[in-house]
Amino acid sequence: MKEIVTRFAPSPTGYMHIGNLRTALYSYLIARHSGGKFILRIEDTDRERFVAGAEKVIIDTLHTIGLTYDEGPDIGGPAGPYRQSERKDIYTHYAKMLIDKGCAYYCFCGKEEKQTDNGNFAAYNGHCRNLTQAEIDENLAAGKPYVIRFKMPRDGETTYHDNVFGDITVENNTMYDLILIKSDGFPTYNFAHVIDDHLMNVNTVVRGSEYITSTPQYVQIYRAFGWDLPEYYHLPLIMGKNEDGSVSKLSKRHGSVTFADMVANGYLPEAILNYIVMLGWHPKDEREIFSLNDLVEIFDPADIRKSSAIFDYDKLKWLNAKYLTNMTTSEFGIVAQPFIEKVLTHEVANFDALLRLLQPRVQILSEIPEKIEFFQALPEFDINLLENSKKKTTLENAKTILKNALEKLNTVDSWNNDTLFNVLNALAEELGIKSMSVMWVIRLAVSGNVVTVGGATEIMEVLGKAESIARMATTLERL
């Protein structure tokens, strides 16, 4: 059986969009599941859209999520170079081969049609399609600018098989004479990717379904050279939920749509990858948590679905929370640290206790700063909040609770959650009041918040003895 060779071929025009990342992931999994080869190629011939530094973002993203490639711009390989901008002469050579075959021609019309969203070109009247050799030679000798166009068949139809959507057929008279080489000497995507895929032995192409209807044009180029077609997997669209309940193609208005933004917002790379694989593919069992190694073992491209995938941020949050809670405390501390440092400029007394407090209570790491802001300093709060009919507290008994709690807590040596909880429970019994009354007063006194990330004694364990007592004393003074 032949070795499967796939490629990920992004344009360095910005950050890594979720759709691009899914294409990379599926390409990687198809290759690795079969023991094949995965190639990274940078398609940077559109110089107007080129963004400096975007290639590094692509490479760093792939490294971050573990998608190692066998050939690429930074590691080389037998079919290099792996940046299309460095392969200009190769494309010119193959374009002239097509001219010699009578399958392409010089076009001197002076106006290159703009590409539409689906990859086709606006209608071209074919003025230069049948120029005589003498006319061509005269224009070339005069230095007249030109493009090289592919001579698309005028009749019949083109059919190819896609492994997701089945057989695709297009009438040839609906296709136009593609520009292969632009007037600046650079190739178009339509031509360059065909040449590169052939020379790099890519025999399995994975890309978005927006290319389904333009692929017949690429098929004609393959046939003109007499080359075997690759196998195609066109992936379904990724849709986002609109406020009115409808769906549309995923975009920024739906939330973070780039890998970098998602990581910055507190999603773990492994959770993002786990979620993305489910956008258009589903395993044969009901499992939802997969490592990359798991996916390499079980990924079957036959299970890629035709229907559009809906990006559900709530599901991603749930999945991210699963990954966070499955970490060890020290692992959680490493990923949480940058978000903790956004609001805490000094160390808390018990950092491990803070981590234990947060880990089961956050879905995404960006929730951390708001949850822990009160640990920085006791915020101003309405003292009347201490009076709560549901908790059976008044300002008068709150004063009593705080006075007695300070006396008891000053003698505590082992400042941990269990000890503190037992001391305050005993105090409630001694005062003849409900435990919840004591806990309400103490929690508000040390946090200044009605809603907190943890209970009174958990918060006190994090703050430490000195800070907890100081905050309770401050609240008592206000009373």
Protein backbone atom coordinates (compact mmCIF):
# COMPACT_ATOMS: atom_id res chain seq x y z
CA MET A 1 0.00 0.00 0.00
CA LYS A 2 1.32 3.44 -0.91
CA GLU A 3 2.42 5.84 1.80
CA ILE A 4 -0.18 8.51 2.52
CA VAL A 5 1.27 12.02 2.24
CA THR A 6 -0.77 15.01 3.39
CA ARG A 7 0.07 18.66 3.71
CA PHE A 8 -1.02 21.76 5.55
CA ALA A 9 -0.53 24.76 3.29
CA PRO A 10 -1.67 28.00 4.94
CA SER A 11 -1.17 31.52 3.67
CA PRO A 12 0.75 33.78 6.09
CA THR A 13 -1.96 36.43 6.10
CA GLY A 14 -2.75 36.61 9.81
CA TYR A 15 -3.29 34.37 12.80
CA MET A 16 -4.33 30.75 12.88
CA HIS A 17 -8.10 30.62 12.40
CA ILE A 18 -10.00 27.71 13.92
CA GLY A 19 -10.93 26.48 10.42
CA ASN A 20 -7.27 26.42 9.40
CA LEU A 21 -6.32 24.61 12.58
CA ARG A 22 -8.94 21.94 11.96
CA THR A 23 -7.58 21.43 8.42
CA ALA A 24 -4.08 21.02 9.84
CA LEU A 25 -5.32 18.59 12.51
CA TYR A 26 -7.28 16.38 10.10
CA SER A 27 -4.38 16.35 7.63
CA TYR A 28 -2.01 15.36 10.43
CA LEU A 29 -4.30 12.62 11.77
CA ILE A 30 -4.95 11.08 8.35
CA ALA A 31 -1.19 10.88 7.76
CA ARG A 32 -0.17 9.68 11.21
CA HIS A 33 -3.00 7.14 11.56
CA SER A 34 -1.65 5.35 8.49
CA GLY A 35 2.02 5.86 9.35
CA GLY A 36 2.32 8.38 6.52
CA LYS A 37 3.97 11.75 6.04
CA PHE A 38 2.74 15.23 6.99
CA ILE A 39 4.20 18.31 5.26
CA LEU A 40 4.01 22.02 6.10
CA ARG A 41 4.09 24.36 3.10
CA ILE A 42 3.73 28.14 3.24
CA GLU A 43 1.66 29.54 0.36
CA ASP A 44 2.93 33.12 0.34
CA THR A 45 2.62 34.19 -3.30
CA ASP A 46 -0.16 36.69 -2.53
CA ARG A 47 2.23 39.44 -1.55
CA GLU A 48 -0.51 42.03 -1.00
CA ARG A 49 -2.00 39.96 1.85
CA PHE A 50 1.35 38.84 3.31
CA VAL A 51 1.69 39.62 7.04
CA ALA A 52 5.18 39.73 8.53
CA GLY A 53 5.54 37.29 11.42
CA ALA A 54 2.50 35.21 10.41
CA GLU A 55 4.65 32.25 9.37
CA LYS A 56 6.15 32.12 12.87
CA VAL A 57 2.64 32.15 14.35
CA ILE A 58 1.72 29.16 12.17
CA ILE A 59 4.82 27.19 13.12
CA ASP A 60 4.55 28.05 16.82
CA THR A 61 0.88 27.04 16.88
CA LEU A 62 1.60 23.66 15.31
CA HIS A 63 4.42 23.07 17.80
CA THR A 64 2.20 24.12 20.73
CA ILE A 65 -0.49 21.56 19.94
CA GLY A 66 1.99 18.86 18.93
CA LEU A 67 1.41 18.63 15.18
CA THR A 68 4.94 17.73 14.14
CA TYR A 69 5.68 17.72 10.41
CA ASP A 70 8.22 15.74 8.42
CA GLU A 71 9.09 18.47 5.91
CA GLY A 72 8.68 22.21 6.14
CA PRO A 73 10.19 25.67 5.70
CA ASP A 74 12.16 25.56 8.94
CA ILE A 75 13.40 21.96 8.69
CA GLY A 76 13.73 21.47 4.94
CA GLY A 77 13.17 18.25 3.02
CA PRO A 78 13.82 16.60 -0.35
CA ALA A 79 11.13 18.57 -2.21
CA GLY A 80 12.02 22.03 -0.87
CA PRO A 81 11.97 24.92 -0.68
CA TYR A 82 8.69 24.95 1.23
CA ARG A 83 7.77 28.59 0.74
CA GLN A 84 6.05 29.23 -2.57
CA SER A 85 7.73 32.61 -2.90
CA GLU A 86 11.04 30.71 -3.20
CA ARG A 87 9.72 28.40 -5.95
CA LYS A 88 8.93 31.02 -8.59
CA ASP A 89 11.15 29.50 -11.31
CA ILE A 90 9.57 26.07 -10.79
CA TYR A 91 6.09 27.41 -11.57
CA THR A 92 7.28 29.31 -14.62
CA HIS A 93 8.92 26.13 -15.94
CA TYR A 94 5.74 24.09 -15.59
CA ALA A 95 3.54 26.86 -17.00
CA LYS A 96 5.71 26.94 -20.13
CA MET A 97 5.43 23.15 -20.33
CA LEU A 98 1.67 23.61 -20.58
CA ILE A 99 2.13 26.23 -23.29
CA ASP A 100 4.26 23.76 -25.26
CA LYS A 101 1.52 21.16 -24.84
CA GLY A 102 -1.06 23.60 -26.18
CA CYS A 103 -2.84 23.61 -22.80
CA ALA A 104 -1.96 27.19 -21.79
CA TYR A 105 -1.29 30.50 -23.51
CA TYR A 106 0.16 33.98 -23.09
CA CYS A 107 -2.51 36.60 -22.44
CA PHE A 108 -1.60 40.22 -23.18
CA CYS A 109 -4.99 41.77 -22.46
CA GLY A 110 -3.54 43.92 -19.72
CA LYS A 111 -6.23 43.36 -17.11
CA GLU A 112 -6.11 40.43 -14.71
CA GLU A 113 -9.57 39.50 -13.51
CA LYS A 114 -10.08 39.48 -9.79
CA GLN A 115 -10.63 36.25 -7.99
CA THR A 116 -14.05 35.64 -6.44
CA ASP A 117 -14.76 33.98 -3.10
CA ASN A 118 -15.10 30.50 -4.58
CA GLY A 119 -11.75 30.62 -6.36
CA ASN A 120 -13.08 31.17 -9.89
CA PHE A 121 -12.29 34.14 -12.07
CA ALA A 122 -14.66 36.58 -13.67
CA ALA A 123 -15.51 35.72 -17.26
CA TYR A 124 -12.70 36.25 -19.75
CA ASN A 125 -13.58 36.65 -23.41
CA GLY A 126 -10.67 34.51 -24.61
CA HIS A 127 -9.21 37.23 -26.83
CA CYS A 128 -5.64 35.88 -26.57
CA ARG A 129 -6.60 32.20 -26.54
CA ASN A 130 -5.98 31.74 -30.28
CA LEU A 131 -3.24 34.26 -31.06
CA THR A 132 -0.88 33.17 -33.79
CA GLN A 133 2.72 32.39 -32.91
CA ALA A 134 3.78 35.47 -34.82
CA GLU A 135 1.48 37.68 -32.72
CA ILE A 136 2.77 36.09 -29.53
CA ASP A 137 6.41 36.55 -30.55
CA GLU A 138 5.78 40.17 -31.51
CA ASN A 139 4.18 40.97 -28.14
CA LEU A 140 6.94 39.22 -26.22
CA ALA A 141 9.65 41.01 -28.23
CA ALA A 142 7.97 44.33 -27.48
CA GLY A 143 8.08 43.59 -23.78
CA LYS A 144 4.33 43.70 -23.45
CA PRO A 145 3.13 42.58 -20.00
CA TYR A 146 1.37 39.25 -19.93
CA VAL A 147 -0.15 36.56 -17.77
CA ILE A 148 -0.21 32.86 -18.56
CA ARG A 149 -3.67 31.31 -18.70
CA PHE A 150 -4.83 27.72 -18.71
CA LYS A 151 -6.83 26.69 -21.78
CA MET A 152 -9.92 25.19 -20.18
CA PRO A 153 -11.94 22.71 -22.29
CA ARG A 154 -15.06 24.36 -23.76
CA ASP A 155 -17.35 21.34 -23.86
CA GLY A 156 -18.02 18.19 -21.88
CA GLU A 157 -17.85 17.95 -18.10
CA THR A 158 -15.31 17.34 -15.37
CA THR A 159 -15.95 14.84 -12.57
CA TYR A 160 -13.87 13.98 -9.55
CA HIS A 161 -14.55 12.03 -6.37
CA ASP A 162 -14.47 13.62 -2.95
CA ASN A 163 -14.26 11.25 0.01
CA VAL A 164 -16.72 13.33 2.03
CA PHE A 165 -19.22 14.65 -0.53
CA GLY A 166 -19.01 11.94 -3.19
CA ASP A 167 -18.76 12.55 -6.95
CA ILE A 168 -18.67 16.19 -8.02
CA THR A 169 -19.43 17.10 -11.63
CA VAL A 170 -19.14 20.51 -13.29
CA GLU A 171 -19.93 21.50 -16.89
CA ASN A 172 -16.72 22.65 -18.57
CA ASN A 173 -18.45 25.61 -20.24
CA THR A 174 -19.03 27.09 -16.76
CA MET A 175 -15.29 27.22 -16.03
CA TYR A 176 -12.93 29.97 -17.14
CA ASP A 177 -9.39 30.11 -18.40
CA LEU A 178 -7.54 30.35 -15.11
CA ILE A 179 -4.55 32.61 -14.71
CA LEU A 180 -1.57 30.39 -13.86
CA ILE A 181 1.20 33.01 -13.72
CA LYS A 182 0.40 36.63 -12.89
CA SER A 183 2.04 39.63 -14.54
CA ASP A 184 4.44 39.96 -11.59
CA GLY A 185 5.76 36.46 -12.35
CA PHE A 186 4.19 34.88 -9.27
CA PRO A 187 1.79 31.97 -9.64
CA THR A 188 -1.82 31.97 -8.53
CA TYR A 189 -2.95 29.56 -5.83
CA ASN A 190 -4.89 27.66 -8.50
CA PHE A 191 -1.67 26.68 -10.25
CA ALA A 192 1.00 26.64 -7.54
CA HIS A 193 -0.71 24.19 -5.22
CA VAL A 194 -1.16 21.66 -8.03
CA ILE A 195 2.51 21.81 -8.97
CA ASP A 196 3.66 21.66 -5.35
CA ASP A 197 1.38 18.79 -4.40
CA HIS A 198 2.66 16.76 -7.34
CA LEU A 199 6.34 17.49 -6.75
CA MET A 200 6.00 16.87 -3.00
CA ASN A 201 4.19 13.55 -3.61
CA VAL A 202 1.08 14.77 -1.79
CA ASN A 203 -1.58 12.21 -2.56
CA THR A 204 -4.24 13.21 -0.01
CA VAL A 205 -5.56 16.78 0.07
CA VAL A 206 -7.63 18.03 2.99
CA ARG A 207 -9.22 21.49 2.75
CA GLY A 208 -12.44 23.44 3.34
CA SER A 209 -15.61 22.76 1.39
CA GLU A 210 -15.40 26.21 -0.20
CA TYR A 211 -13.02 24.59 -2.70
CA ILE A 212 -15.43 21.87 -3.83
CA THR A 213 -16.66 23.71 -6.93
CA SER A 214 -13.26 25.04 -7.97
CA THR A 215 -11.49 21.68 -7.72
CA PRO A 216 -12.63 20.60 -11.24
CA GLN A 217 -10.40 23.35 -12.59
CA TYR A 218 -7.44 21.89 -10.72
CA VAL A 219 -8.41 18.44 -12.00
CA GLN A 220 -8.03 19.73 -15.57
CA ILE A 221 -4.51 20.94 -14.79
CA TYR A 222 -3.59 17.51 -13.41
CA ARG A 223 -4.97 15.88 -16.54
CA ALA A 224 -3.08 18.27 -18.81
CA PHE A 225 0.18 17.06 -17.25
CA GLY A 226 -0.96 13.44 -17.19
CA TRP A 227 -0.56 13.26 -13.42
CA ASP A 228 -2.58 11.12 -10.98
CA LEU A 229 -5.16 12.98 -8.93
CA PRO A 230 -4.80 13.09 -5.16
CA GLU A 231 -7.60 11.86 -2.93
CA TYR A 232 -9.76 14.74 -1.71
CA TYR A 233 -11.39 15.41 1.65
CA HIS A 234 -13.40 18.63 1.64
CA LEU A 235 -14.38 19.56 5.19
CA PRO A 236 -17.79 20.96 6.16
CA LEU A 237 -18.16 24.60 7.11
CA ILE A 238 -17.80 25.68 10.73
CA MET A 239 -20.78 27.80 11.74
CA GLY A 240 -21.39 30.11 14.68
CA LYS A 241 -24.60 30.81 16.59
CA ASN A 242 -26.11 34.28 16.07
CA GLU A 243 -27.98 36.17 18.78
CA ASP A 244 -31.30 35.59 17.01
CA GLY A 245 -30.81 31.82 17.08
CA SER A 246 -29.75 31.50 13.45
CA VAL A 247 -26.33 30.32 12.34
CA SER A 248 -23.77 31.75 9.94
CA LYS A 249 -20.15 31.09 9.02
CA LEU A 250 -17.97 31.38 12.12
CA SER A 251 -16.52 34.88 12.46
CA LYS A 252 -15.27 37.31 15.10
CA ARG A 253 -18.78 38.40 15.98
CA HIS A 254 -19.34 34.95 17.49
CA GLY A 255 -16.31 35.22 19.81
CA SER A 256 -12.66 34.22 19.66
CA VAL A 257 -11.96 32.47 16.35
CA THR A 258 -8.17 32.30 16.37
CA PHE A 259 -6.02 29.91 18.34
CA ALA A 260 -3.98 32.76 19.84
CA ASP A 261 -7.10 34.59 21.07
CA MET A 262 -8.52 31.44 22.61
CA VAL A 263 -5.31 30.71 24.50
CA ALA A 264 -5.16 34.34 25.65
CA ASN A 265 -8.74 33.99 26.88
CA GLY A 266 -7.83 31.03 29.03
CA TYR A 267 -8.53 27.95 26.95
CA LEU A 268 -5.94 25.17 27.12
CA PRO A 269 -4.33 24.18 23.78
CA GLU A 270 -5.14 20.51 24.37
CA ALA A 271 -8.80 21.34 25.08
CA ILE A 272 -9.01 23.47 21.93
CA LEU A 273 -7.53 20.65 19.86
CA ASN A 274 -9.87 18.10 21.48
CA TYR A 275 -12.88 20.27 20.67
CA ILE A 276 -11.85 21.14 17.12
CA VAL A 277 -11.51 17.51 16.09
CA MET A 278 -15.23 17.07 16.86
CA LEU A 279 -16.21 19.84 14.41
CA GLY A 280 -17.08 17.59 11.50
CA TRP A 281 -15.92 14.23 12.83
CA HIS A 282 -17.29 11.88 15.46
CA PRO A 283 -15.76 8.75 16.95
CA LYS A 284 -17.57 5.44 16.78
CA ASP A 285 -18.05 5.37 20.57
CA GLU A 286 -19.35 8.02 22.97
CA ARG A 287 -15.98 9.23 24.26
CA GLU A 288 -15.42 12.98 24.30
CA ILE A 289 -11.97 13.38 25.88
CA PHE A 290 -9.03 12.52 23.62
CA SER A 291 -5.31 13.13 23.75
CA LEU A 292 -3.51 13.67 20.46
CA ASN A 293 -2.08 10.15 20.71
CA ASP A 294 -5.61 8.80 21.21
CA LEU A 295 -6.74 10.57 18.06
CA VAL A 296 -3.83 9.27 16.00
CA GLU A 297 -4.88 5.76 16.98
CA ILE A 298 -8.65 6.03 16.36
CA PHE A 299 -9.12 8.76 13.73
CA ASP A 300 -10.94 7.37 10.69
CA PRO A 301 -11.51 9.89 7.87
CA ALA A 302 -14.51 7.82 6.78
CA ASP A 303 -16.29 9.33 9.81
CA ILE A 304 -15.94 12.91 8.56
CA ARG A 305 -19.45 14.29 8.11
CA LYS A 306 -20.96 16.41 5.33
CA SER A 307 -23.14 18.60 7.51
CA SER A 308 -21.90 21.94 8.81
CA ALA A 309 -20.48 21.94 12.33
CA ILE A 310 -21.77 24.41 14.93
CA PHE A 311 -19.10 25.96 17.13
CA ASP A 312 -20.53 25.81 20.66
CA TYR A 313 -18.54 27.93 23.12
CA ASP A 314 -20.44 26.45 26.07
CA LYS A 315 -19.33 22.96 25.06
CA LEU A 316 -15.75 24.18 24.68
CA LYS A 317 -15.91 25.72 28.17
CA TRP A 318 -17.19 22.44 29.59
CA LEU A 319 -14.41 20.53 27.90
CA ASN A 320 -11.80 23.03 29.07
CA ALA A 321 -13.05 22.68 32.64
CA LYS A 322 -12.61 18.90 32.38
CA TYR A 323 -8.98 19.37 31.39
CA LEU A 324 -8.39 21.85 34.22
CA THR A 325 -9.86 19.60 36.90
CA ASN A 326 -7.90 16.59 35.63
CA MET A 327 -4.60 18.41 36.17
CA THR A 328 -2.44 18.03 39.24
CA THR A 329 -2.35 21.09 41.49
CA SER A 330 1.16 21.96 40.31
CA GLU A 331 0.16 21.62 36.64
CA PHE A 332 -2.82 23.87 37.25
CA GLY A 333 -0.56 26.36 39.01
CA ILE A 334 1.65 26.69 35.94
CA VAL A 335 -1.21 27.57 33.59
CA ALA A 336 -3.07 29.69 36.16
CA GLN A 337 -0.07 31.76 37.27
CA PRO A 338 -0.18 34.36 34.45
CA PHE A 339 -3.88 35.03 35.13
CA ILE A 340 -3.34 35.21 38.90
CA GLU A 341 -0.54 37.74 38.43
CA LYS A 342 -2.89 40.05 36.53
CA VAL A 343 -4.50 41.11 39.81
CA LEU A 344 -2.28 39.91 42.65
CA THR A 345 0.84 42.02 42.99
CA HIS A 346 1.91 40.29 46.20
CA GLU A 347 1.97 36.68 47.28
CA VAL A 348 -0.89 35.27 49.31
CA ALA A 349 -0.05 33.39 52.47
CA ASN A 350 -1.02 30.00 51.07
CA PHE A 351 -0.67 29.80 47.28
CA ASP A 352 -1.43 26.06 47.13
CA ALA A 353 -4.69 26.68 48.97
CA LEU A 354 -5.56 29.34 46.40
CA LEU A 355 -4.95 26.84 43.60
CA ARG A 356 -7.09 24.20 45.32
CA LEU A 357 -9.80 26.81 45.72
CA LEU A 358 -9.76 27.83 42.07
CA GLN A 359 -9.16 24.59 40.19
CA PRO A 360 -12.64 23.03 40.49
CA ARG A 361 -14.36 26.40 40.16
CA VAL A 362 -13.12 27.82 36.84
CA GLN A 363 -14.07 26.77 33.33
CA ILE A 364 -11.60 29.05 31.55
CA LEU A 365 -8.52 30.64 33.04
CA SER A 366 -9.62 34.18 32.17
CA GLU A 367 -12.28 33.85 34.89
CA ILE A 368 -9.54 33.84 37.54
CA PRO A 369 -8.76 37.59 37.88
CA GLU A 370 -12.33 38.57 38.72
CA LYS A 371 -12.71 35.68 41.16
CA ILE A 372 -9.58 36.50 43.17
CA GLU A 373 -9.44 40.29 43.03
CA PHE A 374 -10.48 40.63 46.68
CA PHE A 375 -7.37 38.72 47.79
CA GLN A 376 -5.29 41.74 46.73
CA ALA A 377 -6.98 43.99 49.29
CA LEU A 378 -10.23 44.07 51.23
CA PRO A 379 -12.62 46.04 49.01
CA GLU A 380 -15.02 48.68 50.32
CA PHE A 381 -18.41 47.12 50.91
CA ASP A 382 -21.75 48.17 52.34
CA ILE A 383 -21.58 47.28 56.03
CA ASN A 384 -25.34 46.75 56.03
CA LEU A 385 -24.81 43.59 53.97
CA LEU A 386 -23.85 41.89 57.23
CA GLU A 387 -27.53 42.09 58.14
CA ASN A 388 -29.24 39.23 56.31
CA SER A 389 -32.62 37.76 57.23
CA LYS A 390 -31.97 34.47 55.41
CA LYS A 391 -28.69 34.00 57.25
CA LYS A 392 -30.36 35.19 60.50
CA THR A 393 -27.80 37.93 61.08
CA THR A 394 -28.13 41.50 62.32
CA LEU A 395 -25.55 44.23 62.73
CA GLU A 396 -25.64 43.60 66.47
CA ASN A 397 -25.03 39.83 66.36
CA ALA A 398 -22.49 40.34 63.56
CA LYS A 399 -20.53 42.45 66.03
CA THR A 400 -20.78 39.68 68.61
CA ILE A 401 -19.71 37.03 66.09
CA LEU A 402 -16.64 39.02 65.02
CA LYS A 403 -15.53 39.84 68.58
CA ASN A 404 -15.74 36.21 69.69
CA ALA A 405 -14.24 34.88 66.46
CA LEU A 406 -11.21 37.15 66.84
CA GLU A 407 -10.65 35.86 70.36
CA LYS A 408 -10.87 32.24 69.25
CA LEU A 409 -8.85 32.62 66.05
CA ASN A 410 -5.98 34.48 67.70
CA THR A 411 -5.17 31.29 69.56
CA VAL A 412 -5.22 29.02 66.50
CA ASP A 413 -1.78 27.73 65.51
CA SER A 414 -2.67 25.34 62.67
CA TRP A 415 -4.20 27.75 60.15
CA ASN A 416 -5.91 25.44 57.68
CA ASN A 417 -9.43 24.97 56.35
CA ASP A 418 -10.37 22.00 58.51
CA THR A 419 -9.17 23.56 61.77
CA LEU A 420 -10.80 26.92 61.01
CA PHE A 421 -14.07 25.23 60.07
CA ASN A 422 -14.14 23.31 63.36
CA VAL A 423 -13.32 26.43 65.42
CA LEU A 424 -16.10 28.50 63.81
CA ASN A 425 -18.63 25.67 64.07
CA ALA A 426 -17.83 25.36 67.77
CA LEU A 427 -18.24 29.13 68.12
CA ALA A 428 -21.70 28.98 66.55
CA GLU A 429 -22.74 26.27 69.00
CA GLU A 430 -21.32 28.26 71.89
CA LEU A 431 -23.25 31.38 70.84
CA GLY A 432 -26.41 29.38 70.23
CA ILE A 433 -26.74 30.45 66.62
CA LYS A 434 -26.65 28.72 63.23
CA SER A 435 -23.28 27.88 61.71
CA MET A 436 -24.37 29.60 58.49
CA SER A 437 -24.76 32.88 60.42
CA VAL A 438 -21.16 32.76 61.61
CA MET A 439 -19.85 31.78 58.18
CA TRP A 440 -21.80 34.58 56.45
CA VAL A 441 -20.41 37.27 58.73
CA ILE A 442 -16.83 35.98 58.59
CA ARG A 443 -16.84 35.47 54.81
CA LEU A 444 -18.12 38.99 54.17
CA ALA A 445 -15.67 40.42 56.70
CA VAL A 446 -12.62 38.87 55.05
CA SER A 447 -13.68 39.17 51.39
CA GLY A 448 -16.00 42.16 51.12
CA ASN A 449 -18.03 40.16 48.57
CA VAL A 450 -21.45 38.57 48.74
CA VAL A 451 -20.46 36.00 46.12
CA THR A 452 -17.01 34.44 46.47
CA VAL A 453 -14.99 31.67 44.89
CA GLY A 454 -14.92 29.74 48.15
CA GLY A 455 -16.28 29.58 51.67
CA ALA A 456 -15.18 31.62 54.66
CA THR A 457 -12.60 29.18 56.00
CA GLU A 458 -11.21 28.38 52.54
CA ILE A 459 -10.65 32.10 51.94
CA MET A 460 -9.03 32.52 55.36
CA GLU A 461 -6.64 29.65 54.64
CA VAL A 462 -5.47 31.46 51.50
CA LEU A 463 -5.15 34.84 53.21
CA GLY A 464 -3.28 33.46 56.21
CA LYS A 465 -3.74 34.25 59.88
CA ALA A 466 -2.40 37.81 60.01
CA GLU A 467 -4.35 39.11 57.01
CA SER A 468 -7.57 37.32 57.97
CA ILE A 469 -7.53 38.72 61.50
CA ALA A 470 -6.64 42.21 60.23
CA ARG A 471 -9.60 42.20 57.85
CA MET A 472 -12.00 40.96 60.50
CA ALA A 473 -10.76 43.65 62.89
CA THR A 474 -11.26 46.33 60.21
CA THR A 475 -14.84 45.19 59.65
CA LEU A 476 -15.50 45.13 63.39
CA GLU A 477 -14.21 48.72 63.69
CA ARG A 478 -16.65 49.77 60.97
CA LEU A 479 -19.47 48.22 63.00
